[in-house]
Amino acid sequence: MSAGPSADDVPAPDPRLVADLRADLAAVGGDGYRVDAVTALLGLVADAALHREQPLAARRVVTAAVGAGDPLAALVGAFVLGLEVPSDVLATALPRCGLDGAGRLGLLEAVPGGRARARLELRPYAAVDAAGGADWWVASDLGETATGGPLRTDHVLGVGGASTTLARAVVREPVDRALDLGTGCGVQALHLRRHARSVVATDVSARALRVAALTLALDGGAGGDRPGEDGAAPGRGTVDLRRGSLLAPVAGEAFDLVVSNPPFVITPRTDGVPAYEYRDGGMVGDALVQHLVEDVGGVLAPGGTAQMLGNWEHRDGEPWTDRVGAWLDASGLDGWVVQRDLLDPAAYAETWVRDGGQREGAAFDALVGAWLDDLAGRRVDAVGLGLVVLRRPVDPSRPRLRRLEEVPGTGSGALGAHVADVLAAEEQLAGLDDAALARRHLVVAPDVTEERHARPGAADPEVVLLRQGGGFGRAVRVGTAVAGVVGACDGDLPLGVLVGAVAQLLGRPAEEVAAEVLPAARGLVADGLLRLA
């Protein structure tokens, strides 16, 4: 394992030092240690390469800028690239906190030759959610790109693709109590405290909780300099950091919202395969995700929602919708599972071996082989990746939502509002039979466009697509009758009247057109392309 600080070497954040550090980071270079400022420093080419985990171009730019005395470049060099930088240049970036103060926060250490290096990564993070834009600094461990070696098993992961995907998908309505299960570096808690009165953030890793405490402490927040619980920083909601596995730290409590980027990676239980705390829950196969789906309802208040990422096995001869659907049935909750990606066993193995910082070679091949053997032992021919949304019904007697689907891609922009709209639409539709739906007024969602495809010279299109600009970016193929009705859905007339008018225009029996349009309209409402006025 690569060298690095232990959990004991990440101290509880000193509020005075954190306040000084926050002021330094906000002021350095005039624009502050912000995402836009870092991008401008690196330039588009080096910045893009760094996002591909190719740091050479960024190192060249930063080394030259540090040599010219640029304090922002010193921060990027130390905290992003893991370079040893001249202490005097770094000191100009931290005039209030100082190098000694940064050392006492567990961020820096001196090295021979009048230089200093980072002991933790500290990156700017920009985000937009329902509460508006935010600029934060997120602490974590330096990754393999900076250290050049495999990760420690107690590695604390920074903000990555999975965490930003989850953050975009969370429903950001105001709630009383929220739970961030498996907080890691604390990024989900940063978002939650903007719309929850109180947040509990848990993790099995003592190291992660100490790093998350620093991340949260650096959040000046909109609520002023009011201290949060457990040394957490100011913000709209307090954050209570607790150590423990899965739901154990909150047993017997109830939350309005549970958010989790859990350790869902399917890892072989084989000697020689490292188990990383941030991604490996210690269970066989996809049992951890199954456990959370089936048991999270025990900490959900009536009407409460849980949103989590997960992986699930596709086993030979068993549809994944049956396996995961059985988890939903056992939960007793409304359930919506969206599979966004699918990897074959080799691609899955290679992804997670590389994620641990292992470079290609004999050790890499041995780890991939262990993954392939493990998956083959359970007849796994693919692994699905996606989003799980669960809700505890206020009225347990009504029909439950049970929806499992494949929607490839990443979606567009913030998905939280779309998720909320879909959940609300499903609840409305549950109480409407076809006759009742025909009496309702519908409107086309503002992000929907229509595409018509025809052969050259043809009078009529062969394909009509309704395309969703936001949400999951669905493209729904519809027939002429459905397209005609949707085109007239402006809220003025009931759906049944529109069906009759289109049937007359097409010269078809109204009952036949209704049999085609009503189920399609129901699906379009459920997917967010149509809305009940």
Protein backbone atom coordinates (compact mmCIF):
# COMPACT_ATOMS: atom_id res chain seq x y z
CA MET A 1 0.00 0.00 0.00
CA SER A 2 1.12 3.53 -0.61
CA ALA A 3 2.19 5.58 2.36
CA GLY A 4 -0.23 8.03 3.87
CA PRO A 5 -1.61 9.38 7.12
CA SER A 6 -3.55 7.15 9.49
CA ALA A 7 -6.93 7.96 10.96
CA ASP A 8 -5.17 9.32 14.06
CA ASP A 9 -3.25 11.77 11.86
CA VAL A 10 -6.45 13.52 10.73
CA PRO A 11 -7.26 15.77 13.68
CA ALA A 12 -10.60 17.27 14.61
CA PRO A 13 -10.75 20.64 12.85
CA ASP A 14 -9.84 23.62 15.00
CA PRO A 15 -12.59 26.23 14.33
CA ARG A 16 -10.17 29.19 14.40
CA LEU A 17 -7.73 27.56 11.99
CA VAL A 18 -10.61 26.51 9.71
CA ALA A 19 -11.93 30.08 9.63
CA ASP A 20 -8.46 31.35 8.70
CA LEU A 21 -8.05 28.68 6.03
CA ARG A 22 -11.47 29.43 4.57
CA ALA A 23 -10.58 33.12 4.29
CA ASP A 24 -7.27 32.28 2.62
CA LEU A 25 -8.85 29.92 0.09
CA ALA A 26 -11.52 32.49 -0.77
CA ALA A 27 -8.97 35.25 -1.39
CA VAL A 28 -5.98 33.62 -3.07
CA GLY A 29 -5.15 35.09 -6.46
CA GLY A 30 -8.03 37.53 -6.22
CA ASP A 31 -10.64 35.07 -7.52
CA GLY A 32 -10.07 32.47 -4.83
CA TYR A 33 -9.28 28.77 -4.98
CA ARG A 34 -12.33 28.04 -7.14
CA VAL A 35 -13.10 25.66 -9.98
CA ASP A 36 -13.14 28.42 -12.59
CA ALA A 37 -9.86 29.87 -11.33
CA VAL A 38 -8.15 26.47 -11.43
CA THR A 39 -9.45 25.84 -14.96
CA ALA A 40 -8.16 29.24 -16.07
CA LEU A 41 -4.76 28.52 -14.53
CA LEU A 42 -4.40 25.13 -16.19
CA GLY A 43 -5.90 26.01 -19.54
CA LEU A 44 -8.40 23.90 -21.44
CA VAL A 45 -5.90 21.28 -22.66
CA ALA A 46 -4.27 20.53 -19.30
CA ASP A 47 -7.58 20.73 -17.46
CA ALA A 48 -9.20 18.25 -19.85
CA ALA A 49 -6.22 15.90 -19.54
CA LEU A 50 -6.40 16.05 -15.75
CA HIS A 51 -10.08 15.09 -15.88
CA ARG A 52 -8.95 12.04 -17.88
CA GLU A 53 -6.53 11.30 -15.00
CA GLN A 54 -3.54 12.26 -17.15
CA PRO A 55 -1.66 14.80 -14.98
CA LEU A 56 1.48 15.49 -17.04
CA ALA A 57 0.20 18.58 -18.85
CA ALA A 58 -1.17 20.03 -15.62
CA ARG A 59 2.14 19.38 -13.82
CA ARG A 60 4.03 21.30 -16.49
CA VAL A 61 1.72 24.30 -16.28
CA VAL A 62 1.67 24.34 -12.49
CA THR A 63 5.42 23.84 -12.09
CA ALA A 64 6.11 26.83 -14.34
CA ALA A 65 3.55 28.99 -12.50
CA VAL A 66 4.89 28.03 -9.07
CA GLY A 67 8.38 28.92 -10.29
CA ALA A 68 7.00 32.37 -11.09
CA GLY A 69 5.63 32.66 -7.54
CA ASP A 70 1.92 32.05 -8.28
CA PRO A 71 0.18 31.23 -4.96
CA LEU A 72 -2.87 29.64 -6.64
CA ALA A 73 -0.56 27.31 -8.57
CA ALA A 74 1.09 26.33 -5.29
CA LEU A 75 -2.29 25.21 -3.90
CA VAL A 76 -3.11 23.27 -7.07
CA GLY A 77 0.33 21.69 -7.13
CA ALA A 78 0.14 20.53 -3.53
CA PHE A 79 -3.53 19.69 -3.00
CA VAL A 80 -4.52 18.42 -6.46
CA LEU A 81 -1.35 17.12 -8.10
CA GLY A 82 0.50 15.95 -4.97
CA LEU A 83 3.67 17.86 -5.87
CA GLU A 84 6.28 19.09 -3.41
CA VAL A 85 6.15 22.88 -3.69
CA PRO A 86 8.36 25.64 -2.28
CA SER A 87 7.18 26.52 1.23
CA ASP A 88 7.62 30.26 0.68
CA VAL A 89 5.26 30.29 -2.33
CA LEU A 90 2.72 28.13 -0.51
CA ALA A 91 2.94 30.45 2.51
CA THR A 92 1.85 33.40 0.34
CA ALA A 93 -1.34 31.47 -0.48
CA LEU A 94 -2.10 30.90 3.23
CA PRO A 95 -1.23 34.17 5.02
CA ARG A 96 -3.78 33.76 7.83
CA CYS A 97 -3.70 30.03 8.43
CA GLY A 98 -0.02 29.61 7.67
CA LEU A 99 1.84 26.41 6.91
CA ASP A 100 1.93 25.52 10.58
CA GLY A 101 -1.83 25.93 10.88
CA ALA A 102 -2.41 23.85 7.75
CA GLY A 103 -0.17 21.20 9.27
CA ARG A 104 -2.20 21.16 12.47
CA LEU A 105 -5.32 20.65 10.35
CA GLY A 106 -3.68 17.56 8.83
CA LEU A 107 -3.33 19.13 5.38
CA LEU A 108 0.41 19.76 4.92
CA GLU A 109 3.80 18.54 6.05
CA ALA A 110 7.28 19.92 5.56
CA VAL A 111 9.88 18.05 3.48
CA PRO A 112 13.61 18.72 3.16
CA GLY A 113 14.79 21.50 0.91
CA GLY A 114 12.38 24.19 2.02
CA ARG A 115 9.40 22.49 0.47
CA ALA A 116 6.02 21.19 1.61
CA ARG A 117 3.60 18.54 0.40
CA ALA A 118 -0.04 17.75 0.98
CA ARG A 119 -1.13 14.99 3.33
CA LEU A 120 -4.72 15.29 2.11
CA GLU A 121 -6.30 16.41 -1.12
CA LEU A 122 -8.27 19.65 -0.96
CA ARG A 123 -10.19 20.50 -4.11
CA PRO A 124 -12.66 23.23 -5.02
CA TYR A 125 -16.10 21.88 -5.93
CA ALA A 126 -18.80 23.88 -7.71
CA ALA A 127 -22.40 22.71 -7.82
CA VAL A 128 -25.92 23.89 -8.54
CA ASP A 129 -28.92 22.39 -6.79
CA ALA A 130 -32.41 23.58 -5.86
CA ALA A 131 -30.91 25.97 -3.30
CA GLY A 132 -28.85 27.66 -6.03
CA GLY A 133 -25.15 27.69 -6.84
CA ALA A 134 -22.48 26.76 -4.34
CA ASP A 135 -18.68 26.78 -4.17
CA TRP A 136 -17.16 24.44 -1.63
CA TRP A 137 -13.81 22.88 -0.77
CA VAL A 138 -13.82 19.12 -0.32
CA ALA A 139 -11.12 17.26 1.60
CA SER A 140 -10.20 13.66 0.77
CA ASP A 141 -7.14 11.48 0.30
CA LEU A 142 -4.86 12.08 -2.65
CA GLY A 143 -5.68 9.68 -5.46
CA GLU A 144 -3.51 7.40 -7.54
CA THR A 145 -2.98 10.16 -10.12
CA ALA A 146 -1.13 12.16 -7.45
CA THR A 147 0.54 9.36 -5.48
CA GLY A 148 1.46 7.10 -8.39
CA GLY A 149 0.63 3.92 -6.49
CA PRO A 150 -2.23 1.71 -5.31
CA LEU A 151 -4.66 3.21 -2.82
CA ARG A 152 -4.73 2.53 0.90
CA THR A 153 -7.58 0.27 2.01
CA ASP A 154 -8.81 3.11 4.27
CA HIS A 155 -8.64 5.59 1.38
CA VAL A 156 -11.20 8.41 1.59
CA LEU A 157 -12.52 9.07 -1.88
CA GLY A 158 -13.11 12.60 -3.12
CA VAL A 159 -15.85 13.87 -5.41
CA GLY A 160 -16.22 11.57 -8.42
CA GLY A 161 -18.70 10.72 -11.12
CA ALA A 162 -20.87 8.58 -8.84
CA SER A 163 -21.17 11.23 -6.14
CA THR A 164 -22.07 13.99 -8.61
CA THR A 165 -24.62 11.71 -10.29
CA LEU A 166 -26.30 11.08 -6.95
CA ALA A 167 -26.18 14.74 -5.96
CA ARG A 168 -27.95 15.68 -9.23
CA ALA A 169 -30.65 13.07 -8.71
CA VAL A 170 -31.65 13.86 -5.13
CA VAL A 171 -35.02 15.54 -4.58
CA ARG A 172 -34.12 18.88 -3.00
CA GLU A 173 -37.38 19.71 -1.24
CA PRO A 174 -37.13 21.13 2.31
CA VAL A 175 -37.15 18.36 4.93
CA ASP A 176 -36.80 18.16 8.68
CA ARG A 177 -34.33 15.26 9.03
CA ALA A 178 -32.01 13.76 6.42
CA LEU A 179 -29.53 10.89 6.54
CA ASP A 180 -26.32 10.65 4.49
CA LEU A 181 -25.49 6.96 4.76
CA GLY A 182 -21.83 6.35 3.92
CA THR A 183 -20.81 10.01 3.86
CA GLY A 184 -17.18 9.49 2.80
CA CYS A 185 -15.66 12.93 2.20
CA GLY A 186 -18.96 14.58 3.16
CA VAL A 187 -20.08 15.94 -0.21
CA GLN A 188 -23.67 14.65 0.05
CA ALA A 189 -23.97 16.18 3.53
CA LEU A 190 -22.91 19.54 2.08
CA HIS A 191 -25.88 19.42 -0.28
CA LEU A 192 -28.31 18.04 2.31
CA ARG A 193 -27.66 20.72 4.90
CA ARG A 194 -28.93 23.32 2.41
CA HIS A 195 -32.49 21.94 2.54
CA ALA A 196 -32.65 19.81 5.71
CA ARG A 197 -33.01 21.23 9.21
CA SER A 198 -30.74 18.51 10.56
CA VAL A 199 -28.50 15.92 8.92
CA VAL A 200 -27.01 12.72 10.27
CA ALA A 201 -23.96 11.57 8.30
CA THR A 202 -22.62 8.08 8.96
CA ASP A 203 -19.67 6.01 7.84
CA VAL A 204 -17.99 2.78 8.91
CA SER A 205 -14.61 4.50 8.45
CA ALA A 206 -13.19 6.60 11.28
CA ARG A 207 -10.86 8.18 8.73
CA ALA A 208 -13.75 9.20 6.48
CA LEU A 209 -15.60 10.86 9.36
CA ARG A 210 -12.55 12.92 10.29
CA VAL A 211 -12.06 14.03 6.71
CA ALA A 212 -15.78 14.78 6.34
CA ALA A 213 -15.60 16.92 9.48
CA LEU A 214 -12.97 19.08 7.79
CA THR A 215 -15.02 19.33 4.58
CA LEU A 216 -18.09 20.40 6.55
CA ALA A 217 -16.09 22.81 8.69
CA LEU A 218 -14.87 24.60 5.57
CA ASP A 219 -18.46 25.24 4.49
CA GLY A 220 -19.19 28.78 5.58
CA GLY A 221 -22.80 28.22 4.50
CA ALA A 222 -25.65 30.65 4.09
CA GLY A 223 -26.52 30.44 7.76
CA GLY A 224 -23.55 32.47 8.97
CA ASP A 225 -20.90 31.27 11.40
CA ARG A 226 -23.19 29.15 13.56
CA PRO A 227 -21.29 26.00 14.59
CA GLY A 228 -22.85 22.65 13.84
CA GLU A 229 -22.77 19.49 15.90
CA ASP A 230 -19.53 17.47 16.18
CA GLY A 231 -17.50 20.46 15.08
CA ALA A 232 -19.40 20.66 11.82
CA ALA A 233 -19.25 23.94 10.08
CA PRO A 234 -21.84 26.65 9.76
CA GLY A 235 -24.69 26.09 7.39
CA ARG A 236 -28.44 25.95 7.16
CA GLY A 237 -28.69 22.59 8.91
CA THR A 238 -26.65 20.94 11.61
CA VAL A 239 -24.67 17.79 10.80
CA ASP A 240 -24.24 14.96 13.29
CA LEU A 241 -21.36 12.65 12.32
CA ARG A 242 -21.68 9.04 13.52
CA ARG A 243 -19.55 5.96 13.03
CA GLY A 244 -21.11 2.60 12.26
CA SER A 245 -22.09 0.13 9.57
CA LEU A 246 -25.07 0.76 7.31
CA LEU A 247 -28.26 1.46 9.32
CA ALA A 248 -26.89 0.50 12.75
CA PRO A 249 -25.98 4.08 13.85
CA VAL A 250 -29.57 5.28 13.28
CA ALA A 251 -31.59 2.25 14.36
CA GLY A 252 -34.97 3.29 15.78
CA GLU A 253 -34.85 6.78 14.22
CA ALA A 254 -36.91 8.18 11.35
CA PHE A 255 -35.84 10.39 8.45
CA ASP A 256 -37.68 12.28 5.74
CA LEU A 257 -34.85 11.70 3.26
CA VAL A 258 -32.08 9.09 3.09
CA VAL A 259 -29.29 9.55 0.56
CA SER A 260 -26.57 6.99 0.01
CA ASN A 261 -23.64 6.36 -2.28
CA PRO A 262 -22.96 3.09 -0.46
CA PRO A 263 -19.98 0.71 -0.78
CA PHE A 264 -21.80 -1.22 -3.49
CA VAL A 265 -18.86 -2.64 -5.45
CA ILE A 266 -19.09 -6.40 -5.97
CA THR A 267 -15.72 -7.58 -4.61
CA PRO A 268 -14.31 -11.12 -4.50
CA ARG A 269 -13.92 -12.55 -1.00
CA THR A 270 -10.51 -13.94 -1.94
CA ASP A 271 -7.10 -13.66 -0.29
CA GLY A 272 -5.02 -11.03 -1.99
CA VAL A 273 -7.95 -8.90 -3.15
CA PRO A 274 -7.89 -5.61 -1.20
CA ALA A 275 -11.14 -4.48 0.41
CA TYR A 276 -11.39 -0.69 0.22
CA GLU A 277 -13.61 0.84 2.88
CA TYR A 278 -15.06 3.46 0.57
CA ARG A 279 -16.42 0.95 -1.95
CA ASP A 280 -16.57 -2.51 -0.32
CA GLY A 281 -19.24 -3.32 2.24
CA GLY A 282 -17.85 -6.74 3.11
CA MET A 283 -20.75 -8.77 1.71
CA VAL A 284 -20.87 -11.32 -1.08
CA GLY A 285 -22.03 -10.19 -4.51
CA ASP A 286 -24.74 -7.52 -4.46
CA ALA A 287 -26.02 -8.46 -0.99
CA LEU A 288 -25.24 -5.03 0.45
CA VAL A 289 -27.54 -3.24 -2.00
CA GLN A 290 -30.20 -5.88 -1.40
CA HIS A 291 -29.90 -5.32 2.35
CA LEU A 292 -30.29 -1.56 2.03
CA VAL A 293 -33.26 -1.80 -0.33
CA GLU A 294 -35.07 -4.27 1.90
CA ASP A 295 -34.27 -2.59 5.24
CA VAL A 296 -34.04 1.17 4.68
CA GLY A 297 -37.80 1.50 5.18
CA GLY A 298 -37.15 0.91 8.87
CA VAL A 299 -35.66 4.41 9.17
CA LEU A 300 -38.03 6.21 6.77
CA ALA A 301 -40.81 8.40 8.14
CA PRO A 302 -44.23 8.05 6.40
CA GLY A 303 -43.86 9.79 3.05
CA GLY A 304 -40.06 9.64 3.41
CA THR A 305 -37.83 8.93 0.42
CA ALA A 306 -34.55 7.07 0.04
CA GLN A 307 -32.30 7.57 -2.97
CA MET A 308 -29.17 5.50 -3.52
CA LEU A 309 -26.78 4.26 -6.15
CA GLY A 310 -26.20 0.56 -6.59
CA ASN A 311 -24.85 -2.36 -8.57
CA TRP A 312 -26.76 -5.61 -9.12
CA GLU A 313 -25.89 -8.90 -10.72
CA HIS A 314 -27.45 -10.20 -13.92
CA ARG A 315 -27.43 -13.95 -13.45
CA ASP A 316 -27.80 -16.47 -16.25
CA GLY A 317 -31.42 -17.52 -16.67
CA GLU A 318 -32.78 -14.95 -14.19
CA PRO A 319 -33.96 -11.52 -15.43
CA TRP A 320 -32.45 -8.73 -13.35
CA THR A 321 -35.89 -7.20 -12.98
CA ASP A 322 -37.03 -10.35 -11.18
CA ARG A 323 -34.08 -10.36 -8.77
CA VAL A 324 -34.17 -6.66 -7.94
CA GLY A 325 -37.97 -6.63 -8.10
CA ALA A 326 -38.00 -9.22 -5.32
CA TRP A 327 -35.97 -6.80 -3.20
CA LEU A 328 -38.59 -4.11 -3.79
CA ASP A 329 -41.36 -6.54 -2.86
CA ALA A 330 -39.58 -7.41 0.39
CA SER A 331 -39.09 -3.74 1.27
CA GLY A 332 -42.81 -2.94 1.47
CA LEU A 333 -42.01 0.43 -0.11
CA ASP A 334 -42.77 2.20 -3.35
CA GLY A 335 -39.82 1.36 -5.57
CA TRP A 336 -38.31 2.73 -8.77
CA VAL A 337 -35.06 1.29 -10.14
CA VAL A 338 -33.38 2.88 -13.14
CA GLN A 339 -30.52 0.92 -14.69
CA ARG A 340 -28.24 3.41 -16.41
CA ASP A 341 -25.36 1.19 -17.53
CA LEU A 342 -24.45 -2.46 -17.99
CA LEU A 343 -20.94 -3.96 -17.88
CA ASP A 344 -19.82 -7.43 -18.81
CA PRO A 345 -17.74 -9.27 -16.16
CA ALA A 346 -14.37 -8.40 -17.70
CA ALA A 347 -15.19 -4.69 -18.06
CA TYR A 348 -16.53 -4.59 -14.51
CA ALA A 349 -13.41 -6.26 -13.10
CA GLU A 350 -11.04 -4.01 -15.02
CA THR A 351 -12.93 -0.88 -13.92
CA TRP A 352 -12.56 -1.59 -10.21
CA VAL A 353 -9.01 -2.93 -10.36
CA ARG A 354 -7.98 0.32 -12.05
CA ASP A 355 -10.03 2.30 -9.54
CA GLY A 356 -7.82 0.88 -6.78
CA GLY A 357 -4.76 2.38 -8.48
CA GLN A 358 -3.40 -0.90 -9.84
CA ARG A 359 -1.54 -0.53 -13.11
CA GLU A 360 -1.54 -3.17 -15.82
CA GLY A 361 0.81 -6.07 -15.29
CA ALA A 362 0.91 -9.38 -13.46
CA ALA A 363 -0.76 -8.03 -10.30
CA PHE A 364 -3.48 -6.37 -12.39
CA ASP A 365 -4.16 -9.61 -14.26
CA ALA A 366 -4.31 -11.61 -11.03
CA LEU A 367 -6.92 -9.27 -9.56
CA VAL A 368 -9.03 -9.30 -12.75
CA GLY A 369 -8.87 -13.08 -12.70
CA ALA A 370 -10.14 -13.17 -9.12
CA TRP A 371 -13.10 -11.00 -10.13
CA LEU A 372 -13.91 -13.17 -13.13
CA ASP A 373 -13.81 -16.33 -11.00
CA ASP A 374 -16.03 -14.77 -8.35
CA LEU A 375 -18.68 -13.60 -10.83
CA ALA A 376 -18.60 -16.88 -12.75
CA GLY A 377 -19.24 -18.76 -9.51
CA ARG A 378 -22.65 -17.10 -9.27
CA ARG A 379 -23.38 -17.36 -13.02
CA VAL A 380 -23.13 -13.60 -13.43
CA ASP A 381 -23.04 -12.56 -17.08
CA ALA A 382 -23.30 -8.79 -16.51
CA VAL A 383 -23.52 -6.17 -13.76
CA GLY A 384 -26.06 -3.37 -13.82
CA LEU A 385 -25.37 0.10 -12.45
CA GLY A 386 -28.02 2.61 -11.59
CA LEU A 387 -30.28 4.54 -9.27
CA VAL A 388 -32.76 3.24 -6.70
CA VAL A 389 -35.60 5.44 -5.42
CA LEU A 390 -37.74 4.18 -2.53
CA ARG A 391 -40.62 5.82 -0.73
CA ARG A 392 -42.58 4.83 2.36
CA PRO A 393 -46.27 5.37 1.52
CA VAL A 394 -48.32 7.59 3.77
CA ASP A 395 -51.30 5.33 3.00
CA PRO A 396 -50.05 1.70 3.13
CA SER A 397 -53.36 0.45 1.69
CA ARG A 398 -52.95 2.04 -1.75
CA PRO A 399 -51.26 0.12 -4.60
CA ARG A 400 -47.50 0.35 -4.41
CA LEU A 401 -45.27 1.71 -7.14
CA ARG A 402 -43.06 -1.04 -8.58
CA ARG A 403 -41.06 0.19 -11.54
CA LEU A 404 -37.85 -1.29 -12.94
CA GLU A 405 -36.47 -0.04 -16.25
CA GLU A 406 -33.39 0.55 -18.34
CA VAL A 407 -32.66 4.15 -19.33
CA PRO A 408 -29.11 4.38 -20.71
CA GLY A 409 -27.06 7.53 -20.35
CA THR A 410 -26.54 10.12 -17.65
CA GLY A 411 -29.52 12.41 -18.13
CA SER A 412 -29.30 16.16 -18.36
CA GLY A 413 -28.75 18.67 -15.59
CA ALA A 414 -30.38 18.32 -12.19
CA LEU A 415 -32.52 15.20 -12.03
CA GLY A 416 -33.99 15.80 -8.58
CA ALA A 417 -36.94 17.87 -9.77
CA HIS A 418 -37.68 15.26 -12.45
CA VAL A 419 -37.59 12.44 -9.88
CA ALA A 420 -40.02 14.40 -7.70
CA ASP A 421 -42.34 15.00 -10.68
CA VAL A 422 -42.33 11.32 -11.63
CA LEU A 423 -43.12 10.20 -8.07
CA ALA A 424 -45.98 12.70 -7.89
CA ALA A 425 -47.31 11.63 -11.29
CA GLU A 426 -47.23 7.94 -10.33
CA GLU A 427 -49.23 8.72 -7.21
CA GLN A 428 -51.80 10.67 -9.22
CA LEU A 429 -52.09 7.97 -11.88
CA ALA A 430 -52.62 5.26 -9.26
CA GLY A 431 -56.02 6.75 -8.54
CA LEU A 432 -57.12 7.20 -12.17
CA ASP A 433 -58.69 4.51 -14.35
CA ASP A 434 -58.94 5.15 -18.09
CA ALA A 435 -62.32 6.86 -17.80
CA ALA A 436 -61.01 9.23 -15.14
CA LEU A 437 -57.83 9.88 -17.11
CA ALA A 438 -59.93 10.77 -20.18
CA ARG A 439 -61.65 13.49 -18.13
CA ARG A 440 -58.35 15.13 -17.14
CA HIS A 441 -56.66 18.06 -18.88
CA LEU A 442 -53.06 17.42 -19.93
CA VAL A 443 -50.19 19.69 -20.95
CA VAL A 444 -46.91 18.91 -22.68
CA ALA A 445 -43.88 19.37 -20.43
CA PRO A 446 -41.86 22.45 -21.49
CA ASP A 447 -38.71 20.45 -22.28
CA VAL A 448 -40.39 18.12 -24.81
CA THR A 449 -39.80 18.43 -28.54
CA GLU A 450 -41.11 16.40 -31.46
CA GLU A 451 -39.03 14.87 -34.23
CA ARG A 452 -40.50 13.57 -37.47
CA HIS A 453 -38.52 11.35 -39.82
CA ALA A 454 -39.67 10.64 -43.37
CA ARG A 455 -38.14 9.35 -46.55
CA PRO A 456 -37.43 12.05 -49.15
CA GLY A 457 -40.61 12.92 -51.00
CA ALA A 458 -42.89 11.07 -48.57
CA ALA A 459 -46.08 12.87 -47.56
CA ASP A 460 -46.16 11.42 -44.06
CA PRO A 461 -43.44 10.62 -41.52
CA GLU A 462 -42.49 7.02 -40.85
CA VAL A 463 -41.19 7.76 -37.36
CA VAL A 464 -42.37 10.31 -34.79
CA LEU A 465 -40.28 10.76 -31.64
CA LEU A 466 -41.16 12.72 -28.54
CA ARG A 467 -37.84 13.75 -27.02
CA GLN A 468 -37.30 14.86 -23.43
CA GLY A 469 -34.76 17.66 -23.09
CA GLY A 470 -34.24 17.26 -19.33
CA GLY A 471 -34.81 14.42 -16.91
CA PHE A 472 -33.47 11.14 -18.21
CA GLY A 473 -33.54 12.41 -21.81
CA ARG A 474 -36.04 9.82 -22.99
CA ALA A 475 -36.96 9.46 -26.66
CA VAL A 476 -40.41 7.86 -27.05
CA ARG A 477 -41.61 6.62 -30.42
CA VAL A 478 -45.32 7.25 -30.94
CA GLY A 479 -47.88 6.64 -33.66
CA THR A 480 -49.85 9.23 -35.62
CA ALA A 481 -52.83 9.20 -33.27
CA VAL A 482 -50.75 9.65 -30.13
CA ALA A 483 -48.66 12.37 -31.77
CA GLY A 484 -51.82 14.20 -32.80
CA VAL A 485 -53.31 14.08 -29.32
CA VAL A 486 -50.04 15.12 -27.63
CA GLY A 487 -49.71 18.03 -30.03
CA ALA A 488 -53.11 19.31 -28.86
CA CYS A 489 -52.42 18.89 -25.12
CA ASP A 490 -52.36 22.51 -24.02
CA GLY A 491 -54.64 22.11 -21.01
CA ASP A 492 -57.76 23.58 -22.62
CA LEU A 493 -59.70 20.39 -23.41
CA PRO A 494 -60.01 17.04 -21.64
CA LEU A 495 -57.98 14.15 -23.01
CA GLY A 496 -61.13 12.26 -24.05
CA VAL A 497 -62.31 15.17 -26.20
CA LEU A 498 -58.91 15.32 -27.93
CA VAL A 499 -59.06 11.59 -28.60
CA GLY A 500 -62.46 11.99 -30.25
CA ALA A 501 -61.27 14.88 -32.41
CA VAL A 502 -58.18 13.00 -33.59
CA ALA A 503 -60.24 9.87 -34.31
CA GLN A 504 -62.55 11.94 -36.51
CA LEU A 505 -59.60 13.50 -38.37
CA LEU A 506 -58.06 10.07 -39.00
CA GLY A 507 -61.38 8.46 -39.92
CA ARG A 508 -60.96 5.80 -37.25
CA PRO A 509 -63.38 4.58 -34.56
CA ALA A 510 -63.03 6.59 -31.35
CA GLU A 511 -62.84 3.41 -29.25
CA GLU A 512 -59.91 2.15 -31.31
CA VAL A 513 -58.02 5.43 -30.99
CA ALA A 514 -58.75 5.59 -27.25
CA ALA A 515 -57.36 2.08 -26.79
CA GLU A 516 -54.12 3.28 -28.41
CA VAL A 517 -53.87 6.75 -26.89
CA LEU A 518 -54.91 6.30 -23.24
CA PRO A 519 -52.18 3.77 -22.29
CA ALA A 520 -49.61 5.82 -24.19
CA ALA A 521 -50.72 9.01 -22.45
CA ARG A 522 -50.51 7.25 -19.08
CA GLY A 523 -46.93 6.24 -19.88
CA LEU A 524 -46.01 9.74 -21.04
CA VAL A 525 -47.36 11.21 -17.80
CA ALA A 526 -45.44 8.62 -15.78
CA ASP A 527 -42.25 9.51 -17.67
CA GLY A 528 -42.73 13.26 -17.27
CA LEU A 529 -43.35 14.12 -20.93
CA LEU A 530 -47.00 14.98 -20.24
CA ARG A 531 -48.35 16.55 -17.08
CA LEU A 532 -51.77 16.51 -15.47
CA ALA A 533 -53.03 20.09 -15.52
